Amino acid sequence: MKRSVFVTGATNGTGYAIAERFAKEGYDVFIGSRYKENSAEAAKKLSEQYGVFSKGYEYQTAELREDEVRAIFDDIRGMGYLLDTLVLNAANLGIGQVSMDVDINDFMGVYTTNIGWNFLMSREAAKQMREKGKGSIVFIGSNSAIRVTENRCAYCSSKNAIIAMSRSFAVDWGKYGIRSNVVLPGMIKTERWINNVNNAKYCLPNYTPIHDIAEFEDVANAAWYFGSDQSRNTTGTELAVDGGMLAQLTPNINRELWK
């Protein structure tokens, strides 16, 4: 049976880089997205470039739908797979939610995606991993789980909850050979960063000790480490990929930003 990985939110950016990293290693790759055509396109691209089997799935995260999640993993099982690795990259960013004014439904919508859906996906994946006797669950969290950013209460608190959930999985499911860990990225060179943040001197996450922020591949390499047998004795822990932001108390804002 070929090794397989499911990556959520994997049609572009960090998620696609993670899917690509596993495809390079010969894993068959399942891709999750809110848009069927996007997941199918990403799967086709990976398959053609790396010669692996890849399939895309569509799901909507606005509501918790257990039957929909079960159907995805039943389909994977029906094709002869028991999943090796699950990488939970998709997230509701909860941008612009001012704590005193945010609608409670919008606030809880962040938790529906970041906690509820991640739990459902993890539970179904774990059932297959239990049969296999091993497996790895990898959460893509955020260093905002540790040091929060303004007007991101739902996002930051949900990312902190992910750490506790991952540790719980590590303790509860370790006896089945299932490991669970969290990657904690800082600022990443996304399109949003390039267009809006690069030259904004008020954005302290730009001022890392290493004088740089993460490329998509940096996060993908961390996900690969946790998701593969390279980390076979590592579970219930976190790996920061943030240029040292969590290590420093006061950023040096007097230096010139990199170009």
C-alpha atoms as a PDB file:
ATOM      1  CA  MET A   1       0.000   0.000   0.000  1.00  0.00           C
ATOM      2  CA  LYS A   2       1.446   3.371  -0.979  1.00  0.00           C
ATOM      3  CA  ARG A   3       1.963   6.053   1.619  1.00  0.00           C
ATOM      4  CA  SER A   4      -0.690   8.743   1.618  1.00  0.00           C
ATOM      5  CA  VAL A   5      -1.337  12.184   3.058  1.00  0.00           C
ATOM      6  CA  PHE A   6      -4.393  14.429   3.273  1.00  0.00           C
ATOM      7  CA  VAL A   7      -3.715  18.184   3.331  1.00  0.00           C
ATOM      8  CA  THR A   8      -6.533  20.644   3.980  1.00  0.00           C
ATOM      9  CA  GLY A   9      -6.565  24.068   2.340  1.00  0.00           C
ATOM     10  CA  ALA A  10      -3.980  22.835  -0.141  1.00  0.00           C
ATOM     11  CA  THR A  11      -4.809  24.488  -3.447  1.00  0.00           C
ATOM     12  CA  ASN A  12      -2.269  27.310  -3.130  1.00  0.00           C
ATOM     13  CA  GLY A  13       0.264  28.968  -0.856  1.00  0.00           C
ATOM     14  CA  THR A  14       1.426  27.116   2.225  1.00  0.00           C
ATOM     15  CA  GLY A  15      -1.047  24.262   1.816  1.00  0.00           C
ATOM     16  CA  TYR A  16       0.016  23.506  -1.743  1.00  0.00           C
ATOM     17  CA  ALA A  17       3.694  23.682  -0.761  1.00  0.00           C
ATOM     18  CA  ILE A  18       3.003  21.083   1.950  1.00  0.00           C
ATOM     19  CA  ALA A  19       1.170  18.817  -0.489  1.00  0.00           C
ATOM     20  CA  GLU A  20       4.007  19.223  -2.966  1.00  0.00           C
ATOM     21  CA  ARG A  21       6.624  18.362  -0.337  1.00  0.00           C
ATOM     22  CA  PHE A  22       4.925  15.031   0.351  1.00  0.00           C
ATOM     23  CA  ALA A  23       4.421  14.360  -3.376  1.00  0.00           C
ATOM     24  CA  LYS A  24       8.163  14.833  -3.915  1.00  0.00           C
ATOM     25  CA  GLU A  25       8.701  12.046  -1.381  1.00  0.00           C
ATOM     26  CA  GLY A  26       6.388   9.697  -3.285  1.00  0.00           C
ATOM     27  CA  TYR A  27       3.257  10.081  -1.165  1.00  0.00           C
ATOM     28  CA  ASP A  28      -0.134   9.891  -2.836  1.00  0.00           C
ATOM     29  CA  VAL A  29      -1.853  13.145  -1.964  1.00  0.00           C
ATOM     30  CA  PHE A  30      -5.453  13.998  -1.120  1.00  0.00           C
ATOM     31  CA  ILE A  31      -6.317  17.676  -1.208  1.00  0.00           C
ATOM     32  CA  GLY A  32      -9.118  19.483   0.599  1.00  0.00           C
ATOM     33  CA  SER A  33     -10.635  22.812  -0.425  1.00  0.00           C
ATOM     34  CA  ARG A  34     -13.863  24.796  -0.305  1.00  0.00           C
ATOM     35  CA  TYR A  35     -13.895  24.751  -4.099  1.00  0.00           C
ATOM     36  CA  LYS A  36     -14.086  21.502  -6.039  1.00  0.00           C
ATOM     37  CA  GLU A  37     -12.534  22.873  -9.226  1.00  0.00           C
ATOM     38  CA  ASN A  38      -9.536  24.252  -7.339  1.00  0.00           C
ATOM     39  CA  SER A  39      -8.846  21.013  -5.491  1.00  0.00           C
ATOM     40  CA  ALA A  40      -9.158  19.041  -8.730  1.00  0.00           C
ATOM     41  CA  GLU A  41      -6.758  21.383 -10.507  1.00  0.00           C
ATOM     42  CA  ALA A  42      -4.178  21.181  -7.714  1.00  0.00           C
ATOM     43  CA  ALA A  43      -4.449  17.386  -7.609  1.00  0.00           C
ATOM     44  CA  LYS A  44      -3.978  17.140 -11.371  1.00  0.00           C
ATOM     45  CA  LYS A  45      -0.911  19.356 -11.222  1.00  0.00           C
ATOM     46  CA  LEU A  46       0.725  17.266  -8.491  1.00  0.00           C
ATOM     47  CA  SER A  47      -0.058  14.015 -10.258  1.00  0.00           C
ATOM     48  CA  GLU A  48       1.401  15.180 -13.564  1.00  0.00           C
ATOM     49  CA  GLN A  49       4.518  16.698 -12.033  1.00  0.00           C
ATOM     50  CA  TYR A  50       5.440  13.978  -9.542  1.00  0.00           C
ATOM     51  CA  GLY A  51       3.804  10.828 -10.894  1.00  0.00           C
ATOM     52  CA  VAL A  52       1.758  10.209  -7.751  1.00  0.00           C
ATOM     53  CA  PHE A  53      -1.944   9.592  -7.379  1.00  0.00           C
ATOM     54  CA  SER A  54      -3.772  12.686  -6.211  1.00  0.00           C
ATOM     55  CA  LYS A  55      -7.418  13.533  -5.696  1.00  0.00           C
ATOM     56  CA  GLY A  56      -9.212  16.684  -4.611  1.00  0.00           C
ATOM     57  CA  TYR A  57     -12.180  16.997  -2.266  1.00  0.00           C
ATOM     58  CA  GLU A  58     -14.634  19.810  -1.652  1.00  0.00           C
ATOM     59  CA  TYR A  59     -16.134  20.646   1.718  1.00  0.00           C
ATOM     60  CA  GLN A  60     -17.712  23.674   3.342  1.00  0.00           C
ATOM     61  CA  THR A  61     -16.547  24.583   6.836  1.00  0.00           C
ATOM     62  CA  ALA A  62     -19.276  27.070   7.793  1.00  0.00           C
ATOM     63  CA  GLU A  63     -21.153  24.230   9.515  1.00  0.00           C
ATOM     64  CA  LEU A  64     -20.000  21.035  11.176  1.00  0.00           C
ATOM     65  CA  ARG A  65     -21.028  18.147   8.921  1.00  0.00           C
ATOM     66  CA  GLU A  66     -19.962  14.789  10.284  1.00  0.00           C
ATOM     67  CA  ASP A  67     -21.501  12.853   7.405  1.00  0.00           C
ATOM     68  CA  GLU A  68     -19.531  14.907   4.888  1.00  0.00           C
ATOM     69  CA  VAL A  69     -16.249  14.211   6.672  1.00  0.00           C
ATOM     70  CA  ARG A  70     -17.026  10.505   6.989  1.00  0.00           C
ATOM     71  CA  ALA A  71     -17.848  10.343   3.273  1.00  0.00           C
ATOM     72  CA  ILE A  72     -14.429  11.762   2.384  1.00  0.00           C
ATOM     73  CA  PHE A  73     -12.569   9.205   4.460  1.00  0.00           C
ATOM     74  CA  ASP A  74     -14.843   6.382   3.311  1.00  0.00           C
ATOM     75  CA  ASP A  75     -13.914   7.307  -0.253  1.00  0.00           C
ATOM     76  CA  ILE A  76     -10.218   7.229   0.617  1.00  0.00           C
ATOM     77  CA  ARG A  77     -10.672   3.823   2.244  1.00  0.00           C
ATOM     78  CA  GLY A  78     -12.664   2.607  -0.747  1.00  0.00           C
ATOM     79  CA  MET A  79      -9.662   3.293  -2.981  1.00  0.00           C
ATOM     80  CA  GLY A  80      -7.556   0.987  -0.830  1.00  0.00           C
ATOM     81  CA  TYR A  81      -5.871   3.509   1.441  1.00  0.00           C
ATOM     82  CA  LEU A  82      -5.428   3.804   5.167  1.00  0.00           C
ATOM     83  CA  LEU A  83      -4.120   7.318   5.641  1.00  0.00           C
ATOM     84  CA  ASP A  84      -0.549   7.776   6.903  1.00  0.00           C
ATOM     85  CA  THR A  85      -0.563  11.513   7.538  1.00  0.00           C
ATOM     86  CA  LEU A  86      -3.115  14.275   8.000  1.00  0.00           C
ATOM     87  CA  VAL A  87      -1.972  17.898   7.717  1.00  0.00           C
ATOM     88  CA  LEU A  88      -4.537  20.423   8.937  1.00  0.00           C
ATOM     89  CA  ASN A  89      -3.656  23.667   7.189  1.00  0.00           C
ATOM     90  CA  ALA A  90      -7.043  25.267   6.420  1.00  0.00           C
ATOM     91  CA  ALA A  91      -8.120  28.020   8.798  1.00  0.00           C
ATOM     92  CA  ASN A  92     -10.594  30.818   9.337  1.00  0.00           C
ATOM     93  CA  LEU A  93      -8.369  33.866   9.882  1.00  0.00           C
ATOM     94  CA  GLY A  94     -11.002  35.887  11.737  1.00  0.00           C
ATOM     95  CA  ILE A  95      -9.572  39.168  10.441  1.00  0.00           C
ATOM     96  CA  GLY A  96     -11.187  42.409  11.560  1.00  0.00           C
ATOM     97  CA  GLN A  97     -13.153  40.988  14.478  1.00  0.00           C
ATOM     98  CA  VAL A  98     -13.023  43.795  17.043  1.00  0.00           C
ATOM     99  CA  SER A  99     -13.590  42.002  20.340  1.00  0.00           C
ATOM    100  CA  MET A 100     -16.193  44.354  21.807  1.00  0.00           C
ATOM    101  CA  ASP A 101     -18.199  44.568  18.589  1.00  0.00           C
ATOM    102  CA  VAL A 102     -17.874  41.204  16.861  1.00  0.00           C
ATOM    103  CA  ASP A 103     -21.046  39.223  16.194  1.00  0.00           C
ATOM    104  CA  ILE A 104     -20.948  36.038  18.263  1.00  0.00           C
ATOM    105  CA  ASN A 105     -21.797  33.948  15.203  1.00  0.00           C
ATOM    106  CA  ASP A 106     -18.764  35.324  13.370  1.00  0.00           C
ATOM    107  CA  PHE A 107     -16.626  34.683  16.434  1.00  0.00           C
ATOM    108  CA  MET A 108     -17.816  31.098  16.779  1.00  0.00           C
ATOM    109  CA  GLY A 109     -17.450  30.600  13.030  1.00  0.00           C
ATOM    110  CA  VAL A 110     -13.690  30.772  13.542  1.00  0.00           C
ATOM    111  CA  TYR A 111     -13.949  27.972  16.114  1.00  0.00           C
ATOM    112  CA  THR A 112     -16.172  25.921  13.815  1.00  0.00           C
ATOM    113  CA  THR A 113     -13.396  25.814  11.231  1.00  0.00           C
ATOM    114  CA  ASN A 114     -10.269  25.871  13.351  1.00  0.00           C
ATOM    115  CA  ILE A 115     -11.448  23.544  16.113  1.00  0.00           C
ATOM    116  CA  GLY A 116     -14.626  21.723  15.057  1.00  0.00           C
ATOM    117  CA  TRP A 117     -13.564  20.749  11.538  1.00  0.00           C
ATOM    118  CA  ASN A 118     -10.030  19.947  12.595  1.00  0.00           C
ATOM    119  CA  PHE A 119     -11.395  17.645  15.282  1.00  0.00           C
ATOM    120  CA  LEU A 120     -13.724  15.855  12.864  1.00  0.00           C
ATOM    121  CA  MET A 121     -10.986  15.416  10.267  1.00  0.00           C
ATOM    122  CA  SER A 122      -8.543  14.176  12.906  1.00  0.00           C
ATOM    123  CA  ARG A 123     -11.007  11.685  14.358  1.00  0.00           C
ATOM    124  CA  GLU A 124     -11.805  10.071  11.013  1.00  0.00           C
ATOM    125  CA  ALA A 125      -8.143   9.989  10.003  1.00  0.00           C
ATOM    126  CA  ALA A 126      -7.214   8.467  13.373  1.00  0.00           C
ATOM    127  CA  LYS A 127      -9.632   5.589  12.833  1.00  0.00           C
ATOM    128  CA  GLN A 128      -7.700   4.598   9.710  1.00  0.00           C
ATOM    129  CA  MET A 129      -4.348   5.128  11.425  1.00  0.00           C
ATOM    130  CA  ARG A 130      -5.438   2.929  14.306  1.00  0.00           C
ATOM    131  CA  GLU A 131      -6.092   0.093  11.875  1.00  0.00           C
ATOM    132  CA  LYS A 132      -2.681   0.646  10.350  1.00  0.00           C
ATOM    133  CA  GLY A 133      -0.971   0.795  13.750  1.00  0.00           C
ATOM    134  CA  LYS A 134       0.678   4.161  13.100  1.00  0.00           C
ATOM    135  CA  GLY A 135       0.052   7.622  11.721  1.00  0.00           C
ATOM    136  CA  SER A 136       0.791  11.301  12.126  1.00  0.00           C
ATOM    137  CA  ILE A 137      -1.484  14.310  12.576  1.00  0.00           C
ATOM    138  CA  VAL A 138       0.097  17.686  11.883  1.00  0.00           C
ATOM    139  CA  PHE A 139      -1.613  20.972  12.725  1.00  0.00           C
ATOM    140  CA  ILE A 140      -0.494  24.185  11.065  1.00  0.00           C
ATOM    141  CA  GLY A 141      -1.020  26.582  13.936  1.00  0.00           C
ATOM    142  CA  SER A 142       0.480  30.033  14.471  1.00  0.00           C
ATOM    143  CA  ASN A 143       2.859  31.774  16.814  1.00  0.00           C
ATOM    144  CA  SER A 144      -0.182  33.982  17.470  1.00  0.00           C
ATOM    145  CA  ALA A 145      -1.284  31.161  19.759  1.00  0.00           C
ATOM    146  CA  ILE A 146       1.488  32.297  22.107  1.00  0.00           C
ATOM    147  CA  ARG A 147       1.817  36.034  21.453  1.00  0.00           C
ATOM    148  CA  VAL A 148      -1.467  37.501  20.270  1.00  0.00           C
ATOM    149  CA  THR A 149      -2.170  40.201  17.714  1.00  0.00           C
ATOM    150  CA  GLU A 150      -4.694  42.989  18.036  1.00  0.00           C
ATOM    151  CA  ASN A 151      -8.342  42.360  17.077  1.00  0.00           C
ATOM    152  CA  ARG A 152      -7.717  38.653  16.426  1.00  0.00           C
ATOM    153  CA  CYS A 153      -9.214  37.178  19.608  1.00  0.00           C
ATOM    154  CA  ALA A 154     -11.077  34.320  17.933  1.00  0.00           C
ATOM    155  CA  TYR A 155      -8.154  33.385  15.707  1.00  0.00           C
ATOM    156  CA  CYS A 156      -5.464  33.578  18.389  1.00  0.00           C
ATOM    157  CA  SER A 157      -7.483  31.757  21.039  1.00  0.00           C
ATOM    158  CA  SER A 158      -8.514  29.029  18.585  1.00  0.00           C
ATOM    159  CA  LYS A 159      -4.891  28.518  17.582  1.00  0.00           C
ATOM    160  CA  ASN A 160      -3.990  28.173  21.252  1.00  0.00           C
ATOM    161  CA  ALA A 161      -6.782  25.620  21.625  1.00  0.00           C
ATOM    162  CA  ILE A 162      -5.246  23.678  18.742  1.00  0.00           C
ATOM    163  CA  ILE A 163      -2.112  23.167  20.823  1.00  0.00           C
ATOM    164  CA  ALA A 164      -4.157  21.655  23.650  1.00  0.00           C
ATOM    165  CA  MET A 165      -6.155  19.508  21.219  1.00  0.00           C
ATOM    166  CA  SER A 166      -2.992  18.196  19.584  1.00  0.00           C
ATOM    167  CA  ARG A 167      -1.480  17.321  22.949  1.00  0.00           C
ATOM    168  CA  SER A 168      -4.694  15.545  23.903  1.00  0.00           C
ATOM    169  CA  PHE A 169      -4.533  13.476  20.718  1.00  0.00           C
ATOM    170  CA  ALA A 170      -0.898  12.642  21.469  1.00  0.00           C
ATOM    171  CA  VAL A 171      -1.864  11.336  24.902  1.00  0.00           C
ATOM    172  CA  ASP A 172      -5.149   9.648  23.929  1.00  0.00           C
ATOM    173  CA  TRP A 173      -4.015   8.059  20.679  1.00  0.00           C
ATOM    174  CA  GLY A 174      -0.339   7.351  21.309  1.00  0.00           C
ATOM    175  CA  LYS A 175      -1.160   3.771  22.229  1.00  0.00           C
ATOM    176  CA  TYR A 176      -2.337   3.259  18.643  1.00  0.00           C
ATOM    177  CA  GLY A 177       0.945   4.528  17.214  1.00  0.00           C
ATOM    178  CA  ILE A 178      -0.617   7.885  16.301  1.00  0.00           C
ATOM    179  CA  ARG A 179       1.455  11.014  16.810  1.00  0.00           C
ATOM    180  CA  SER A 180       0.178  14.606  16.893  1.00  0.00           C
ATOM    181  CA  ASN A 181       2.214  17.805  16.658  1.00  0.00           C
ATOM    182  CA  VAL A 182       1.834  21.481  15.752  1.00  0.00           C
ATOM    183  CA  VAL A 183       3.850  23.731  13.442  1.00  0.00           C
ATOM    184  CA  LEU A 184       3.790  27.353  14.618  1.00  0.00           C
ATOM    185  CA  PRO A 185       4.558  29.650  11.681  1.00  0.00           C
ATOM    186  CA  GLY A 186       5.024  33.372  12.106  1.00  0.00           C
ATOM    187  CA  MET A 187       4.696  35.799   9.238  1.00  0.00           C
ATOM    188  CA  ILE A 188       4.771  34.056   5.838  1.00  0.00           C
ATOM    189  CA  LYS A 189       5.493  35.606   2.445  1.00  0.00           C
ATOM    190  CA  THR A 190       1.936  35.335   1.207  1.00  0.00           C
ATOM    191  CA  GLU A 191       0.363  37.584  -1.395  1.00  0.00           C
ATOM    192  CA  ARG A 192      -1.274  39.487   1.470  1.00  0.00           C
ATOM    193  CA  TRP A 193       2.118  40.163   3.037  1.00  0.00           C
ATOM    194  CA  ILE A 194       3.686  41.233  -0.257  1.00  0.00           C
ATOM    195  CA  ASN A 195       0.868  43.632  -1.053  1.00  0.00           C
ATOM    196  CA  ASN A 196       0.121  45.098   2.360  1.00  0.00           C
ATOM    197  CA  VAL A 197       2.728  44.425   5.001  1.00  0.00           C
ATOM    198  CA  ASN A 198       6.249  44.392   3.588  1.00  0.00           C
ATOM    199  CA  ASN A 199       6.849  48.119   3.947  1.00  0.00           C
ATOM    200  CA  ALA A 200       4.583  48.725   6.936  1.00  0.00           C
ATOM    201  CA  LYS A 201       6.975  49.613   9.752  1.00  0.00           C
ATOM    202  CA  TYR A 202       4.249  49.212  12.329  1.00  0.00           C
ATOM    203  CA  CYS A 203       4.061  45.481  11.568  1.00  0.00           C
ATOM    204  CA  LEU A 204       6.433  44.103  14.197  1.00  0.00           C
ATOM    205  CA  PRO A 205       6.436  40.509  12.878  1.00  0.00           C
ATOM    206  CA  ASN A 206       8.607  41.829  10.036  1.00  0.00           C
ATOM    207  CA  TYR A 207      11.391  42.525  12.527  1.00  0.00           C
ATOM    208  CA  THR A 208      12.578  38.994  13.222  1.00  0.00           C
ATOM    209  CA  PRO A 209      15.988  38.276  14.781  1.00  0.00           C
ATOM    210  CA  ILE A 210      16.956  36.357  11.659  1.00  0.00           C
ATOM    211  CA  HIS A 211      16.028  39.366   9.463  1.00  0.00           C
ATOM    212  CA  ASP A 212      13.677  37.294   7.345  1.00  0.00           C
ATOM    213  CA  ILE A 213      10.271  35.630   7.459  1.00  0.00           C
ATOM    214  CA  ALA A 214       9.097  32.257   6.218  1.00  0.00           C
ATOM    215  CA  GLU A 215       8.748  31.067   2.668  1.00  0.00           C
ATOM    216  CA  PHE A 216       5.997  28.520   1.991  1.00  0.00           C
ATOM    217  CA  GLU A 217       8.666  25.827   1.758  1.00  0.00           C
ATOM    218  CA  ASP A 218       9.921  26.535   5.285  1.00  0.00           C
ATOM    219  CA  VAL A 219       6.539  25.596   6.726  1.00  0.00           C
ATOM    220  CA  ALA A 220       6.261  22.645   4.331  1.00  0.00           C
ATOM    221  CA  ASN A 221       9.590  21.256   5.539  1.00  0.00           C
ATOM    222  CA  ALA A 222       8.429  21.447   9.160  1.00  0.00           C
ATOM    223  CA  ALA A 223       5.177  19.696   8.243  1.00  0.00           C
ATOM    224  CA  TRP A 224       7.162  17.012   6.448  1.00  0.00           C
ATOM    225  CA  TYR A 225       9.327  16.421   9.504  1.00  0.00           C
ATOM    226  CA  PHE A 226       6.313  15.964  11.782  1.00  0.00           C
ATOM    227  CA  GLY A 227       4.346  13.988   9.198  1.00  0.00           C
ATOM    228  CA  SER A 228       7.067  11.528   8.255  1.00  0.00           C
ATOM    229  CA  ASP A 229       8.959   8.837  10.141  1.00  0.00           C
ATOM    230  CA  GLN A 230      11.814  11.304  10.633  1.00  0.00           C
ATOM    231  CA  SER A 231       9.949  12.371  13.779  1.00  0.00           C
ATOM    232  CA  ARG A 232       8.850   8.884  14.822  1.00  0.00           C
ATOM    233  CA  ASN A 233       9.571   9.553  18.536  1.00  0.00           C
ATOM    234  CA  THR A 234       8.184  13.099  18.588  1.00  0.00           C
ATOM    235  CA  THR A 235       4.605  13.757  19.658  1.00  0.00           C
ATOM    236  CA  GLY A 236       2.621  16.264  21.663  1.00  0.00           C
ATOM    237  CA  THR A 237       4.937  19.147  20.873  1.00  0.00           C
ATOM    238  CA  GLU A 238       5.278  22.301  18.761  1.00  0.00           C
ATOM    239  CA  LEU A 239       7.869  23.634  16.317  1.00  0.00           C
ATOM    240  CA  ALA A 240       8.061  27.396  15.737  1.00  0.00           C
ATOM    241  CA  VAL A 241       8.957  28.506  12.209  1.00  0.00           C
ATOM    242  CA  ASP A 242       8.930  32.247  12.826  1.00  0.00           C
ATOM    243  CA  GLY A 243      12.451  33.581  12.391  1.00  0.00           C
ATOM    244  CA  GLY A 244      12.878  33.769  16.145  1.00  0.00           C
ATOM    245  CA  MET A 245       9.929  36.054  16.931  1.00  0.00           C
ATOM    246  CA  LEU A 246       8.820  34.000  19.926  1.00  0.00           C
ATOM    247  CA  ALA A 247      12.332  34.136  21.334  1.00  0.00           C
ATOM    248  CA  GLN A 248      12.653  37.927  21.464  1.00  0.00           C
ATOM    249  CA  LEU A 249      11.019  40.315  23.891  1.00  0.00           C
ATOM    250  CA  THR A 250      11.537  43.584  22.019  1.00  0.00           C
ATOM    251  CA  PRO A 251      12.006  43.705  18.211  1.00  0.00           C
ATOM    252  CA  ASN A 252      14.708  45.979  16.837  1.00  0.00           C
ATOM    253  CA  ILE A 253      12.498  48.432  14.960  1.00  0.00           C
ATOM    254  CA  ASN A 254      15.344  50.809  14.197  1.00  0.00           C
ATOM    255  CA  ARG A 255      16.912  48.604  11.566  1.00  0.00           C
ATOM    256  CA  GLU A 256      15.987  48.763   7.895  1.00  0.00           C
ATOM    257  CA  LEU A 257      13.575  46.128   6.623  1.00  0.00           C
ATOM    258  CA  TRP A 258      14.852  43.674   4.048  1.00  0.00           C
ATOM    259  CA  LYS A 259      13.858  44.240   0.455  1.00  0.00           C
END
